[in-house]
Amino acid sequence: MIDTDLPTSEIIKQVVNCPYTRIPLWRSEPDNI
């Protein structure tokens, strides 16, 4: 899962390095998808 509060560049980096094509996004806490 990826924190949406991260910088866009960091989010893109995590998406590129992730082995999955669909990734949940959370804000404030991991349970808040």
PDB file of all heavy atoms in Angstrom:
ATOM      1  N   MET A   1       0.842  -1.184   0.000  1.00  0.00           N
ATOM      2  CA  MET A   1       0.000   0.000   0.000  1.00  0.00           C
ATOM      3  C   MET A   1       0.883   1.242   0.000  1.00  0.00           C
ATOM      4  O   MET A   1       2.000   1.225   0.519  1.00  0.00           O
ATOM      5  CB  MET A   1      -0.944   0.001   1.206  1.00  0.00           C
ATOM      6  CG  MET A   1      -1.918  -1.166   1.227  1.00  0.00           C
ATOM      7  SD  MET A   1      -3.133  -1.053   2.563  1.00  0.00           S
ATOM      8  CE  MET A   1      -2.093  -1.244   4.019  1.00  0.00           C
ATOM      9  N   ILE A   2       0.371   2.317  -0.549  1.00  0.00           N
ATOM     10  CA  ILE A   2       1.163   3.552  -0.698  1.00  0.00           C
ATOM     11  C   ILE A   2       0.425   4.705  -0.019  1.00  0.00           C
ATOM     12  O   ILE A   2      -0.804   4.849  -0.168  1.00  0.00           O
ATOM     13  CB  ILE A   2       1.409   3.875  -2.179  1.00  0.00           C
ATOM     14  CG1 ILE A   2       2.211   2.751  -2.846  1.00  0.00           C
ATOM     15  CG2 ILE A   2       2.135   5.201  -2.333  1.00  0.00           C
ATOM     16  CD1 ILE A   2       2.448   2.967  -4.324  1.00  0.00           C
ATOM     17  N   ASP A   3       1.179   5.515   0.684  1.00  0.00           N
ATOM     18  CA  ASP A   3       0.659   6.712   1.347  1.00  0.00           C
ATOM     19  C   ASP A   3       0.498   7.826   0.308  1.00  0.00           C
ATOM     20  O   ASP A   3       1.475   8.223  -0.339  1.00  0.00           O
ATOM     21  CB  ASP A   3       1.591   7.133   2.472  1.00  0.00           C
ATOM     22  CG  ASP A   3       1.062   8.311   3.270  1.00  0.00           C
ATOM     23  OD1 ASP A   3      -0.061   8.784   2.994  1.00  0.00           O
ATOM     24  OD2 ASP A   3       1.788   8.770   4.181  1.00  0.00           O
ATOM     25  N   THR A   4      -0.736   8.324   0.145  1.00  0.00           N
ATOM     26  CA  THR A   4      -0.977   9.368  -0.851  1.00  0.00           C
ATOM     27  C   THR A   4      -0.355  10.706  -0.476  1.00  0.00           C
ATOM     28  O   THR A   4      -0.242  11.605  -1.329  1.00  0.00           O
ATOM     29  CB  THR A   4      -2.489   9.580  -1.071  1.00  0.00           C
ATOM     30  OG1 THR A   4      -3.103   9.873   0.182  1.00  0.00           O
ATOM     31  CG2 THR A   4      -3.124   8.334  -1.661  1.00  0.00           C
ATOM     32  N   ASP A   5       0.041  10.883   0.791  1.00  0.00           N
ATOM     33  CA  ASP A   5       0.669  12.132   1.209  1.00  0.00           C
ATOM     34  C   ASP A   5       2.137  12.220   0.803  1.00  0.00           C
ATOM     35  O   ASP A   5       2.760  13.283   0.967  1.00  0.00           O
ATOM     36  CB  ASP A   5       0.541  12.315   2.719  1.00  0.00           C
ATOM     37  CG  ASP A   5      -0.913  12.525   3.159  1.00  0.00           C
ATOM     38  OD1 ASP A   5      -1.703  13.049   2.340  1.00  0.00           O
ATOM     39  OD2 ASP A   5      -1.262  12.140   4.303  1.00  0.00           O
ATOM     40  N   LEU A   6       2.689  11.136   0.286  1.00  0.00           N
ATOM     41  CA  LEU A   6       4.066  11.169  -0.192  1.00  0.00           C
ATOM     42  C   LEU A   6       4.171  12.036  -1.437  1.00  0.00           C
ATOM     43  O   LEU A   6       3.182  12.233  -2.165  1.00  0.00           O
ATOM     44  CB  LEU A   6       4.553   9.753  -0.506  1.00  0.00           C
ATOM     45  CG  LEU A   6       4.715   8.787   0.676  1.00  0.00           C
ATOM     46  CD1 LEU A   6       5.052   7.390   0.150  1.00  0.00           C
ATOM     47  CD2 LEU A   6       5.794   9.270   1.629  1.00  0.00           C
ATOM     48  N   PRO A   7       5.349  12.563  -1.726  1.00  0.00           N
ATOM     49  CA  PRO A   7       5.535  13.306  -2.979  1.00  0.00           C
ATOM     50  C   PRO A   7       5.209  12.440  -4.192  1.00  0.00           C
ATOM     51  O   PRO A   7       5.381  11.223  -4.155  1.00  0.00           O
ATOM     52  CB  PRO A   7       7.013  13.694  -2.940  1.00  0.00           C
ATOM     53  CG  PRO A   7       7.393  13.635  -1.495  1.00  0.00           C
ATOM     54  CD  PRO A   7       6.567  12.551  -0.890  1.00  0.00           C
ATOM     55  N   THR A   8       4.739  13.089  -5.238  1.00  0.00           N
ATOM     56  CA  THR A   8       4.342  12.349  -6.439  1.00  0.00           C
ATOM     57  C   THR A   8       5.487  11.513  -6.987  1.00  0.00           C
ATOM     58  O   THR A   8       5.289  10.377  -7.420  1.00  0.00           O
ATOM     59  CB  THR A   8       3.846  13.329  -7.516  1.00  0.00           C
ATOM     60  OG1 THR A   8       2.758  14.098  -7.000  1.00  0.00           O
ATOM     61  CG2 THR A   8       3.390  12.588  -8.757  1.00  0.00           C
ATOM     62  N   SER A   9       6.680  12.062  -6.971  1.00  0.00           N
ATOM     63  CA  SER A   9       7.837  11.321  -7.482  1.00  0.00           C
ATOM     64  C   SER A   9       8.083  10.046  -6.687  1.00  0.00           C
ATOM     65  O   SER A   9       8.422   8.996  -7.248  1.00  0.00           O
ATOM     66  CB  SER A   9       9.085  12.212  -7.460  1.00  0.00           C
ATOM     67  OG  SER A   9       9.355  12.655  -6.135  1.00  0.00           O
ATOM     68  N   GLU A  10       7.894  10.127  -5.369  1.00  0.00           N
ATOM     69  CA  GLU A  10       8.097   8.947  -4.528  1.00  0.00           C
ATOM     70  C   GLU A  10       7.005   7.900  -4.787  1.00  0.00           C
ATOM     71  O   GLU A  10       7.269   6.695  -4.812  1.00  0.00           O
ATOM     72  CB  GLU A  10       8.093   9.343  -3.055  1.00  0.00           C
ATOM     73  CG  GLU A  10       8.280   8.179  -2.075  1.00  0.00           C
ATOM     74  CD  GLU A  10       9.610   7.469  -2.238  1.00  0.00           C
ATOM     75  OE1 GLU A  10      10.560   8.099  -2.761  1.00  0.00           O
ATOM     76  OE2 GLU A  10       9.683   6.271  -1.874  1.00  0.00           O
ATOM     77  N   ILE A  11       5.771   8.355  -4.974  1.00  0.00           N
ATOM     78  CA  ILE A  11       4.677   7.430  -5.267  1.00  0.00           C
ATOM     79  C   ILE A  11       4.945   6.700  -6.583  1.00  0.00           C
ATOM     80  O   ILE A  11       4.781   5.480  -6.674  1.00  0.00           O
ATOM     81  CB  ILE A  11       3.332   8.188  -5.322  1.00  0.00           C
ATOM     82  CG1 ILE A  11       2.969   8.717  -3.924  1.00  0.00           C
ATOM     83  CG2 ILE A  11       2.225   7.281  -5.865  1.00  0.00           C
ATOM     84  CD1 ILE A  11       1.707   9.544  -3.905  1.00  0.00           C
ATOM     85  N   ILE A  12       5.369   7.453  -7.595  1.00  0.00           N
ATOM     86  CA  ILE A  12       5.662   6.843  -8.890  1.00  0.00           C
ATOM     87  C   ILE A  12       6.800   5.842  -8.762  1.00  0.00           C
ATOM     88  O   ILE A  12       6.768   4.757  -9.346  1.00  0.00           O
ATOM     89  CB  ILE A  12       5.996   7.930  -9.928  1.00  0.00           C
ATOM     90  CG1 ILE A  12       4.764   8.796 -10.202  1.00  0.00           C
ATOM     91  CG2 ILE A  12       6.504   7.301 -11.228  1.00  0.00           C
ATOM     92  CD1 ILE A  12       5.028   9.959 -11.108  1.00  0.00           C
ATOM     93  N   LYS A  13       7.817   6.193  -7.956  1.00  0.00           N
ATOM     94  CA  LYS A  13       8.935   5.286  -7.742  1.00  0.00           C
ATOM     95  C   LYS A  13       8.467   3.978  -7.107  1.00  0.00           C
ATOM     96  O   LYS A  13       8.880   2.888  -7.525  1.00  0.00           O
ATOM     97  CB  LYS A  13       9.987   5.965  -6.869  1.00  0.00           C
ATOM     98  CG  LYS A  13      11.207   5.102  -6.586  1.00  0.00           C
ATOM     99  CD  LYS A  13      12.205   5.834  -5.705  1.00  0.00           C
ATOM    100  CE  LYS A  13      13.406   4.953  -5.380  1.00  0.00           C
ATOM    101  NZ  LYS A  13      14.374   5.677  -4.490  1.00  0.00           N
ATOM    102  N   GLN A  14       7.572   4.068  -6.104  1.00  0.00           N
ATOM    103  CA  GLN A  14       7.079   2.866  -5.443  1.00  0.00           C
ATOM    104  C   GLN A  14       6.209   2.030  -6.387  1.00  0.00           C
ATOM    105  O   GLN A  14       6.268   0.800  -6.363  1.00  0.00           O
ATOM    106  CB  GLN A  14       6.289   3.245  -4.196  1.00  0.00           C
ATOM    107  CG  GLN A  14       7.151   3.830  -3.070  1.00  0.00           C
ATOM    108  CD  GLN A  14       6.388   3.943  -1.755  1.00  0.00           C
ATOM    109  OE1 GLN A  14       5.428   3.225  -1.510  1.00  0.00           O
ATOM    110  NE2 GLN A  14       6.834   4.865  -0.910  1.00  0.00           N
ATOM    111  N   VAL A  15       5.420   2.706  -7.230  1.00  0.00           N
ATOM    112  CA  VAL A  15       4.583   1.981  -8.183  1.00  0.00           C
ATOM    113  C   VAL A  15       5.444   1.224  -9.187  1.00  0.00           C
ATOM    114  O   VAL A  15       5.179   0.061  -9.515  1.00  0.00           O
ATOM    115  CB  VAL A  15       3.629   2.954  -8.909  1.00  0.00           C
ATOM    116  CG1 VAL A  15       2.927   2.239 -10.069  1.00  0.00           C
ATOM    117  CG2 VAL A  15       2.604   3.516  -7.955  1.00  0.00           C
ATOM    118  N   VAL A  16       6.495   1.889  -9.681  1.00  0.00           N
ATOM    119  CA  VAL A  16       7.384   1.258 -10.658  1.00  0.00           C
ATOM    120  C   VAL A  16       8.106   0.053 -10.047  1.00  0.00           C
ATOM    121  O   VAL A  16       8.284  -0.977 -10.698  1.00  0.00           O
ATOM    122  CB  VAL A  16       8.397   2.286 -11.200  1.00  0.00           C
ATOM    123  CG1 VAL A  16       9.455   1.591 -12.053  1.00  0.00           C
ATOM    124  CG2 VAL A  16       7.687   3.350 -12.014  1.00  0.00           C
ATOM    125  N   ASN A  17       8.509   0.161  -8.789  1.00  0.00           N
ATOM    126  CA  ASN A  17       9.248  -0.921  -8.139  1.00  0.00           C
ATOM    127  C   ASN A  17       8.341  -2.029  -7.594  1.00  0.00           C
ATOM    128  O   ASN A  17       8.830  -3.079  -7.180  1.00  0.00           O
ATOM    129  CB  ASN A  17      10.104  -0.365  -7.005  1.00  0.00           C
ATOM    130  CG  ASN A  17      11.221   0.525  -7.501  1.00  0.00           C
ATOM    131  OD1 ASN A  17      11.758   0.314  -8.593  1.00  0.00           O
ATOM    132  ND2 ASN A  17      11.586   1.538  -6.718  1.00  0.00           N
ATOM    133  N   CYS A  18       7.044  -1.788  -7.588  1.00  0.00           N
ATOM    134  CA  CYS A  18       6.103  -2.776  -7.041  1.00  0.00           C
ATOM    135  C   CYS A  18       5.829  -3.873  -8.072  1.00  0.00           C
ATOM    136  O   CYS A  18       5.664  -3.596  -9.256  1.00  0.00           O
ATOM    137  CB  CYS A  18       4.794  -2.090  -6.643  1.00  0.00           C
ATOM    138  SG  CYS A  18       3.569  -3.225  -5.930  1.00  0.00           S
ATOM    139  N   PRO A  19       5.770  -5.144  -7.663  1.00  0.00           N
ATOM    140  CA  PRO A  19       5.503  -6.235  -8.605  1.00  0.00           C
ATOM    141  C   PRO A  19       4.045  -6.328  -9.053  1.00  0.00           C
ATOM    142  O   PRO A  19       3.722  -7.125  -9.922  1.00  0.00           O
ATOM    143  CB  PRO A  19       5.922  -7.485  -7.830  1.00  0.00           C
ATOM    144  CG  PRO A  19       5.721  -7.122  -6.402  1.00  0.00           C
ATOM    145  CD  PRO A  19       6.050  -5.661  -6.302  1.00  0.00           C
ATOM    146  N   TYR A  20       3.171  -5.502  -8.456  1.00  0.00           N
ATOM    147  CA  TYR A  20       1.744  -5.574  -8.769  1.00  0.00           C
ATOM    148  C   TYR A  20       1.331  -4.368  -9.609  1.00  0.00           C
ATOM    149  O   TYR A  20       1.934  -3.292  -9.526  1.00  0.00           O
ATOM    150  CB  TYR A  20       0.905  -5.639  -7.492  1.00  0.00           C
ATOM    151  CG  TYR A  20       1.374  -6.703  -6.524  1.00  0.00           C
ATOM    152  CD1 TYR A  20       1.941  -6.364  -5.300  1.00  0.00           C
ATOM    153  CD2 TYR A  20       1.255  -8.044  -6.843  1.00  0.00           C
ATOM    154  CE1 TYR A  20       2.377  -7.328  -4.414  1.00  0.00           C
ATOM    155  CE2 TYR A  20       1.690  -9.030  -5.962  1.00  0.00           C
ATOM    156  CZ  TYR A  20       2.260  -8.658  -4.755  1.00  0.00           C
ATOM    157  OH  TYR A  20       2.694  -9.623  -3.886  1.00  0.00           O
ATOM    158  N   THR A  21       0.268  -4.545 -10.386  1.00  0.00           N
ATOM    159  CA  THR A  21      -0.211  -3.460 -11.255  1.00  0.00           C
ATOM    160  C   THR A  21      -1.256  -2.594 -10.561  1.00  0.00           C
ATOM    161  O   THR A  21      -1.432  -1.441 -10.928  1.00  0.00           O
ATOM    162  CB  THR A  21      -0.816  -4.031 -12.546  1.00  0.00           C
ATOM    163  OG1 THR A  21      -1.862  -4.947 -12.218  1.00  0.00           O
ATOM    164  CG2 THR A  21       0.250  -4.754 -13.356  1.00  0.00           C
ATOM    165  N   ARG A  22      -1.953  -3.124  -9.578  1.00  0.00           N
ATOM    166  CA  ARG A  22      -2.975  -2.373  -8.838  1.00  0.00           C
ATOM    167  C   ARG A  22      -2.555  -2.265  -7.383  1.00  0.00           C
ATOM    168  O   ARG A  22      -2.301  -3.277  -6.717  1.00  0.00           O
ATOM    169  CB  ARG A  22      -4.352  -3.051  -8.960  1.00  0.00           C
ATOM    170  CG  ARG A  22      -4.892  -3.094 -10.388  1.00  0.00           C
ATOM    171  CD  ARG A  22      -6.148  -3.952 -10.470  1.00  0.00           C
ATOM    172  NE  ARG A  22      -6.716  -3.952 -11.799  1.00  0.00           N
ATOM    173  CZ  ARG A  22      -6.331  -4.783 -12.773  1.00  0.00           C
ATOM    174  NH1 ARG A  22      -5.364  -5.663 -12.533  1.00  0.00           N
ATOM    175  NH2 ARG A  22      -6.879  -4.715 -13.976  1.00  0.00           N
ATOM    176  N   ILE A  23      -2.505  -1.053  -6.871  1.00  0.00           N
ATOM    177  CA  ILE A  23      -1.977  -0.809  -5.531  1.00  0.00           C
ATOM    178  C   ILE A  23      -2.953   0.072  -4.765  1.00  0.00           C
ATOM    179  O   ILE A  23      -3.341   1.147  -5.253  1.00  0.00           O
ATOM    180  CB  ILE A  23      -0.597  -0.124  -5.596  1.00  0.00           C
ATOM    181  CG1 ILE A  23       0.348  -0.932  -6.501  1.00  0.00           C
ATOM    182  CG2 ILE A  23       0.003   0.027  -4.206  1.00  0.00           C
ATOM    183  CD1 ILE A  23       1.610  -0.202  -6.851  1.00  0.00           C
ATOM    184  N   PRO A  24      -3.366  -0.334  -3.555  1.00  0.00           N
ATOM    185  CA  PRO A  24      -4.236   0.518  -2.739  1.00  0.00           C
ATOM    186  C   PRO A  24      -3.497   1.764  -2.244  1.00  0.00           C
ATOM    187  O   PRO A  24      -2.302   1.709  -1.943  1.00  0.00           O
ATOM    188  CB  PRO A  24      -4.629  -0.399  -1.576  1.00  0.00           C
ATOM    189  CG  PRO A  24      -4.321  -1.791  -2.039  1.00  0.00           C
ATOM    190  CD  PRO A  24      -3.142  -1.657  -2.964  1.00  0.00           C
ATOM    191  N   LEU A  25      -4.222   2.859  -2.130  1.00  0.00           N
ATOM    192  CA  LEU A  25      -3.694   4.113  -1.613  1.00  0.00           C
ATOM    193  C   LEU A  25      -4.384   4.439  -0.296  1.00  0.00           C
ATOM    194  O   LEU A  25      -5.600   4.314  -0.176  1.00  0.00           O
ATOM    195  CB  LEU A  25      -3.940   5.248  -2.608  1.00  0.00           C
ATOM    196  CG  LEU A  25      -3.343   5.068  -4.020  1.00  0.00           C
ATOM    197  CD1 LEU A  25      -3.796   6.215  -4.921  1.00  0.00           C
ATOM    198  CD2 LEU A  25      -1.826   4.997  -3.962  1.00  0.00           C
ATOM    199  N   TRP A  26      -3.592   4.868   0.705  1.00  0.00           N
ATOM    200  CA  TRP A  26      -4.165   5.227   1.994  1.00  0.00           C
ATOM    201  C   TRP A  26      -3.753   6.638   2.389  1.00  0.00           C
ATOM    202  O   TRP A  26      -2.756   7.168   1.907  1.00  0.00           O
ATOM    203  CB  TRP A  26      -3.766   4.225   3.084  1.00  0.00           C
ATOM    204  CG  TRP A  26      -2.274   4.105   3.315  1.00  0.00           C
ATOM    205  CD1 TRP A  26      -1.414   3.303   2.633  1.00  0.00           C
ATOM    206  CD2 TRP A  26      -1.497   4.798   4.297  1.00  0.00           C
ATOM    207  NE1 TRP A  26      -0.136   3.442   3.117  1.00  0.00           N
ATOM    208  CE2 TRP A  26      -0.170   4.355   4.160  1.00  0.00           C
ATOM    209  CE3 TRP A  26      -1.789   5.744   5.271  1.00  0.00           C
ATOM    210  CZ2 TRP A  26       0.868   4.829   4.957  1.00  0.00           C
ATOM    211  CZ3 TRP A  26      -0.767   6.219   6.076  1.00  0.00           C
ATOM    212  CH2 TRP A  26       0.549   5.764   5.907  1.00  0.00           C
ATOM    213  N   ARG A  27      -4.548   7.188   3.269  1.00  0.00           N
ATOM    214  CA  ARG A  27      -4.272   8.541   3.764  1.00  0.00           C
ATOM    215  C   ARG A  27      -4.491   8.568   5.271  1.00  0.00           C
ATOM    216  O   ARG A  27      -5.467   8.023   5.781  1.00  0.00           O
ATOM    217  CB  ARG A  27      -5.160   9.554   3.065  1.00  0.00           C
ATOM    218  CG  ARG A  27      -4.931  11.003   3.535  1.00  0.00           C
ATOM    219  CD  ARG A  27      -5.738  12.004   2.733  1.00  0.00           C
ATOM    220  NE  ARG A  27      -5.191  12.149   1.381  1.00  0.00           N
ATOM    221  CZ  ARG A  27      -5.874  11.922   0.280  1.00  0.00           C
ATOM    222  NH1 ARG A  27      -7.141  11.532   0.365  1.00  0.00           N
ATOM    223  NH2 ARG A  27      -5.315  12.061  -0.914  1.00  0.00           N
ATOM    224  N   SER A  28      -3.551   9.170   5.968  1.00  0.00           N
ATOM    225  CA  SER A  28      -3.587   9.339   7.417  1.00  0.00           C
ATOM    226  C   SER A  28      -3.258   8.048   8.158  1.00  0.00           C
ATOM    227  O   SER A  28      -2.420   8.020   9.056  1.00  0.00           O
ATOM    228  CB  SER A  28      -4.927   9.896   7.898  1.00  0.00           C
ATOM    229  OG  SER A  28      -5.204  11.141   7.282  1.00  0.00           O
ATOM    230  N   GLU A  29      -3.943   6.945   7.817  1.00  0.00           N
ATOM    231  CA  GLU A  29      -3.692   5.661   8.460  1.00  0.00           C
ATOM    232  C   GLU A  29      -3.948   4.552   7.443  1.00  0.00           C
ATOM    233  O   GLU A  29      -4.761   4.705   6.528  1.00  0.00           O
ATOM    234  CB  GLU A  29      -4.574   5.468   9.685  1.00  0.00           C
ATOM    235  CG  GLU A  29      -6.050   5.551   9.423  1.00  0.00           C
ATOM    236  CD  GLU A  29      -6.864   5.370  10.677  1.00  0.00           C
ATOM    237  OE1 GLU A  29      -6.298   5.450  11.786  1.00  0.00           O
ATOM    238  OE2 GLU A  29      -8.084   5.114  10.555  1.00  0.00           O
ATOM    239  N   PRO A  30      -3.251   3.415   7.596  1.00  0.00           N
ATOM    240  CA  PRO A  30      -3.353   2.347   6.595  1.00  0.00           C
ATOM    241  C   PRO A  30      -4.767   1.807   6.408  1.00  0.00           C
ATOM    242  O   PRO A  30      -5.096   1.304   5.329  1.00  0.00           O
ATOM    243  CB  PRO A  30      -2.413   1.259   7.140  1.00  0.00           C
ATOM    244  CG  PRO A  30      -1.415   2.015   7.967  1.00  0.00           C
ATOM    245  CD  PRO A  30      -2.189   3.143   8.580  1.00  0.00           C
ATOM    246  N   ASP A  31      -5.618   1.887   7.429  1.00  0.00           N
ATOM    247  CA  ASP A  31      -6.983   1.391   7.286  1.00  0.00           C
ATOM    248  C   ASP A  31      -7.868   2.313   6.455  1.00  0.00           C
ATOM    249  O   ASP A  31      -8.940   1.906   6.018  1.00  0.00           O
ATOM    250  CB  ASP A  31      -7.624   1.175   8.654  1.00  0.00           C
ATOM    251  CG  ASP A  31      -7.269  -0.183   9.248  1.00  0.00           C
ATOM    252  OD1 ASP A  31      -6.954  -1.105   8.474  1.00  0.00           O
ATOM    253  OD2 ASP A  31      -7.301  -0.326  10.479  1.00  0.00           O
ATOM    254  N   ASN A  32      -7.424   3.540   6.253  1.00  0.00           N
ATOM    255  CA  ASN A  32      -8.210   4.522   5.500  1.00  0.00           C
ATOM    256  C   ASN A  32      -7.807   4.468   4.022  1.00  0.00           C
ATOM    257  O   ASN A  32      -7.040   5.294   3.534  1.00  0.00           O
ATOM    258  CB  ASN A  32      -7.994   5.916   6.085  1.00  0.00           C
ATOM    259  CG  ASN A  32      -8.843   6.965   5.390  1.00  0.00           C
ATOM    260  OD1 ASN A  32      -9.938   6.668   4.916  1.00  0.00           O
ATOM    261  ND2 ASN A  32      -8.343   8.188   5.306  1.00  0.00           N
ATOM    262  N   ILE A  33      -8.350   3.498   3.308  1.00  0.00           N
ATOM    263  CA  ILE A  33      -8.059   3.333   1.884  1.00  0.00           C
ATOM    264  C   ILE A  33      -8.908   4.328   1.098  1.00  0.00           C
ATOM    265  O   ILE A  33     -10.139   4.334   1.197  1.00  0.00           O
ATOM    266  CB  ILE A  33      -8.343   1.901   1.417  1.00  0.00           C
ATOM    267  CG1 ILE A  33      -7.585   0.893   2.280  1.00  0.00           C
ATOM    268  CG2 ILE A  33      -7.971   1.743  -0.055  1.00  0.00           C
ATOM    269  CD1 ILE A  33      -6.095   1.019   2.214  1.00  0.00           C
TER     270      ILE A  33
END
